[in-house]
Protein backbone atom coordinates (compact mmCIF):
# COMPACT_ATOMS: atom_id res chain seq x y z
CA MET A 1 -115.67 -128.01 -7.66
CA HIS A 2 -115.68 -130.79 -5.18
CA LEU A 3 -119.15 -132.16 -4.41
CA ARG A 4 -119.81 -132.97 -0.78
CA ASN A 5 -120.85 -136.44 0.25
CA SER A 6 -124.60 -136.58 -0.27
CA THR A 7 -125.42 -138.79 2.70
CA PHE A 8 -127.07 -136.86 5.49
CA THR A 9 -125.15 -137.85 8.56
CA GLY A 10 -125.23 -136.10 11.89
CA GLU A 11 -121.93 -134.43 10.97
CA HIS A 12 -123.35 -133.13 7.69
CA ASN A 13 -126.41 -131.78 9.50
CA MET A 14 -124.11 -129.87 11.86
CA GLU A 15 -122.27 -128.42 8.85
CA ILE A 16 -125.60 -127.19 7.47
CA VAL A 17 -126.52 -125.58 10.79
CA GLU A 18 -123.10 -123.92 11.03
CA THR A 19 -123.42 -122.66 7.46
CA ILE A 20 -126.82 -121.15 8.22
CA GLN A 21 -125.42 -119.51 11.35
CA ALA A 22 -122.47 -118.15 9.36
CA ALA A 23 -124.88 -116.74 6.76
CA LEU A 24 -126.50 -114.60 9.46
CA VAL A 25 -123.40 -112.41 9.80
CA PRO A 26 -123.57 -111.08 6.21
CA MET A 27 -127.31 -110.54 6.72
CA VAL A 28 -126.60 -108.32 9.72
CA ILE A 29 -124.06 -106.39 7.65
CA ILE A 30 -126.69 -105.95 4.94
CA SER A 31 -129.16 -104.54 7.48
CA ALA A 32 -126.62 -102.20 9.03
CA SER A 33 -125.44 -101.03 5.61
CA GLY A 34 -129.03 -100.41 4.58
CA LEU A 35 -129.56 -98.14 7.58
CA LEU A 36 -126.37 -96.24 6.83
CA LEU A 37 -127.45 -96.02 3.20
CA LEU A 38 -130.73 -94.34 4.19
CA GLY A 39 -128.98 -91.73 6.32
CA ILE A 40 -126.28 -90.95 3.79
CA GLN A 41 -128.81 -90.85 0.94
CA GLN A 42 -130.74 -88.22 2.91
CA ARG A 43 -127.60 -86.10 3.32
CA TYR A 44 -126.73 -86.56 -0.36
CA GLY A 45 -130.17 -85.41 -1.44
CA ARG A 46 -129.93 -82.29 0.71
CA VAL A 47 -126.51 -81.42 -0.72
CA ILE A 48 -127.77 -81.84 -4.29
CA ASP A 49 -130.87 -79.75 -3.53
CA ARG A 50 -128.74 -76.98 -2.00
CA ILE A 51 -126.45 -76.91 -5.05
CA ARG A 52 -129.50 -76.49 -7.27
CA ILE A 53 -130.80 -73.65 -5.08
CA PHE A 54 -127.44 -71.89 -5.36
CA HIS A 55 -127.48 -72.33 -9.13
CA GLY A 56 -130.95 -70.76 -9.23
CA GLN A 57 -129.81 -67.84 -7.09
CA LEU A 58 -126.81 -67.24 -9.33
CA MET A 59 -128.98 -67.32 -12.46
CA GLU A 60 -131.45 -64.81 -10.97
CA ASN A 61 -128.80 -62.44 -9.65
CA PRO A 62 -125.34 -63.23 -11.11
CA GLU A 63 -123.63 -60.15 -9.61
CA GLY A 64 -125.33 -60.05 -6.19
CA ARG A 65 -123.47 -59.13 -3.03
CA TRP A 66 -123.61 -62.74 -1.84
CA ARG A 67 -121.90 -64.08 -4.98
CA LYS A 68 -118.59 -64.80 -3.26
CA ILE A 69 -120.23 -66.70 -0.38
CA VAL A 70 -122.45 -68.67 -2.75
CA ASP A 71 -119.46 -69.58 -4.93
CA GLU A 72 -117.45 -70.74 -1.91
CA GLN A 73 -120.37 -72.78 -0.61
CA ARG A 74 -121.01 -74.33 -4.02
CA VAL A 75 -117.42 -75.57 -4.23
CA ILE A 76 -117.69 -77.09 -0.75
CA LEU A 77 -121.08 -78.64 -1.54
CA ILE A 78 -119.77 -80.22 -4.72
CA LYS A 79 -116.88 -81.73 -2.75
CA ARG A 80 -119.32 -83.01 -0.12
CA GLY A 81 -121.53 -84.45 -2.86
CA LYS A 82 -118.62 -86.42 -4.29
CA LEU A 83 -117.73 -87.79 -0.85
CA LEU A 84 -121.34 -88.80 -0.19
CA ARG A 85 -121.64 -90.36 -3.66
CA ASN A 86 -118.50 -92.40 -2.93
CA ALA A 87 -119.87 -93.46 0.46
CA LEU A 88 -123.14 -94.53 -1.17
CA SER A 89 -121.28 -96.45 -3.87
CA PHE A 90 -119.15 -98.32 -1.35
CA LEU A 91 -122.23 -99.13 0.73
CA MET A 92 -123.92 -100.61 -2.34
CA VAL A 93 -120.80 -102.67 -3.08
CA CYS A 94 -120.80 -103.79 0.56
CA ILE A 95 -124.41 -104.96 0.32
CA LEU A 96 -123.73 -106.71 -2.98
CA CYS A 97 -120.66 -108.52 -1.61
CA ALA A 98 -122.55 -109.52 1.54
CA LEU A 99 -125.31 -110.95 -0.65
CA PHE A 100 -122.76 -112.91 -2.68
CA ALA A 101 -121.17 -114.14 0.55
CA THR A 102 -124.54 -115.39 1.76
CA VAL A 103 -125.28 -117.13 -1.54
CA SER A 104 -121.76 -118.63 -1.58
CA LEU A 105 -122.26 -119.98 1.92
CA SER A 106 -125.53 -121.54 0.85
CA VAL A 107 -123.86 -123.16 -2.17
CA SER A 108 -121.03 -124.39 0.06
CA ILE A 109 -123.49 -126.84 1.63
CA VAL A 110 -123.26 -128.78 -1.63
CA TYR A 111 -119.83 -127.74 -2.95
CA GLU A 112 -117.19 -127.43 -0.25
CA SER A 113 -114.72 -125.54 -2.48
CA VAL A 114 -117.03 -122.50 -2.51
CA GLU A 115 -116.32 -121.67 1.15
CA ARG A 116 -113.25 -119.63 0.19
CA VAL A 117 -115.33 -117.63 -2.28
CA ALA A 118 -117.70 -116.73 0.55
CA LEU A 119 -114.77 -115.56 2.65
CA VAL A 120 -113.49 -113.37 -0.19
CA PHE A 121 -116.91 -111.77 -0.67
CA PHE A 122 -117.30 -111.27 3.08
CA SER A 123 -113.87 -109.60 3.29
CA LEU A 124 -114.75 -107.33 0.36
CA ALA A 125 -118.02 -106.40 2.08
CA LEU A 126 -116.17 -105.37 5.23
CA LEU A 127 -113.57 -103.44 3.24
CA SER A 128 -116.29 -101.61 1.31
CA LEU A 129 -118.10 -100.79 4.55
CA PHE A 130 -114.85 -99.40 5.96
CA PHE A 131 -114.33 -97.08 2.98
CA ALA A 132 -117.97 -95.97 3.04
CA VAL A 133 -117.69 -94.96 6.68
CA ILE A 134 -114.41 -93.10 6.03
CA PHE A 135 -115.99 -91.10 3.18
CA ALA A 136 -119.01 -90.31 5.36
CA LEU A 137 -116.82 -89.16 8.26
CA VAL A 138 -114.76 -86.88 6.02
CA GLU A 139 -117.97 -85.37 4.65
CA ILE A 140 -119.27 -84.71 8.16
CA PHE A 141 -116.13 -82.78 9.09
CA ILE A 142 -116.23 -80.80 5.84
CA SER A 143 -119.89 -79.90 6.35
CA TYR A 144 -119.16 -78.41 9.75
CA GLY A 145 -116.19 -76.50 8.34
CA ALA A 146 -118.47 -75.10 5.63
CA VAL A 147 -120.91 -73.77 8.21
CA LEU A 148 -118.09 -72.10 10.13
CA LYS A 149 -116.75 -70.53 6.94
CA GLU A 150 -120.19 -69.25 5.97
CA ASP A 151 -120.74 -67.82 9.43
CA GLU A 152 -117.39 -66.03 9.27
CA SER A 153 -118.16 -64.60 5.82
CA ILE A 154 -121.56 -63.32 6.92
CA GLY A 155 -120.04 -61.84 10.07
CA ASN A 156 -117.44 -59.97 8.00
CA MET A 157 -120.09 -58.60 5.61
CA SER A 158 -122.32 -57.28 8.40
CA HIS A 159 -119.53 -55.21 9.96
């Protein structure tokens, strides 16, 4: 690692200010990811709870007339749960990488060779955020499809 010149010149002070400003961007990503994490965690919890309710219904009445619908919905819910779990995992990686980027930027005030490390962590944070959003979007479309399928099945049974 290459140590920066330790004299505090006007130029060095500007580098410190720029580094602090650059560290704000990962902080904003951390905040945004945290909000997404809360929303997706809520959806994930509801999916898990619904799976458990279906399991309870199947244990109470294994041969009920709704067995086919419950089985179809369980399969869809398990798929949704995996997508949401993946989205949550990528959001956590995003937050972790953004934290490392912020720390790396702070260390780059003293060691200039660390700046590239910060860029790598920042890029990984953005990539992880991208994948998290993709998984969440896919889950949203699947959840709507599941409701339509359930509505169709119930409509067919009532006729």
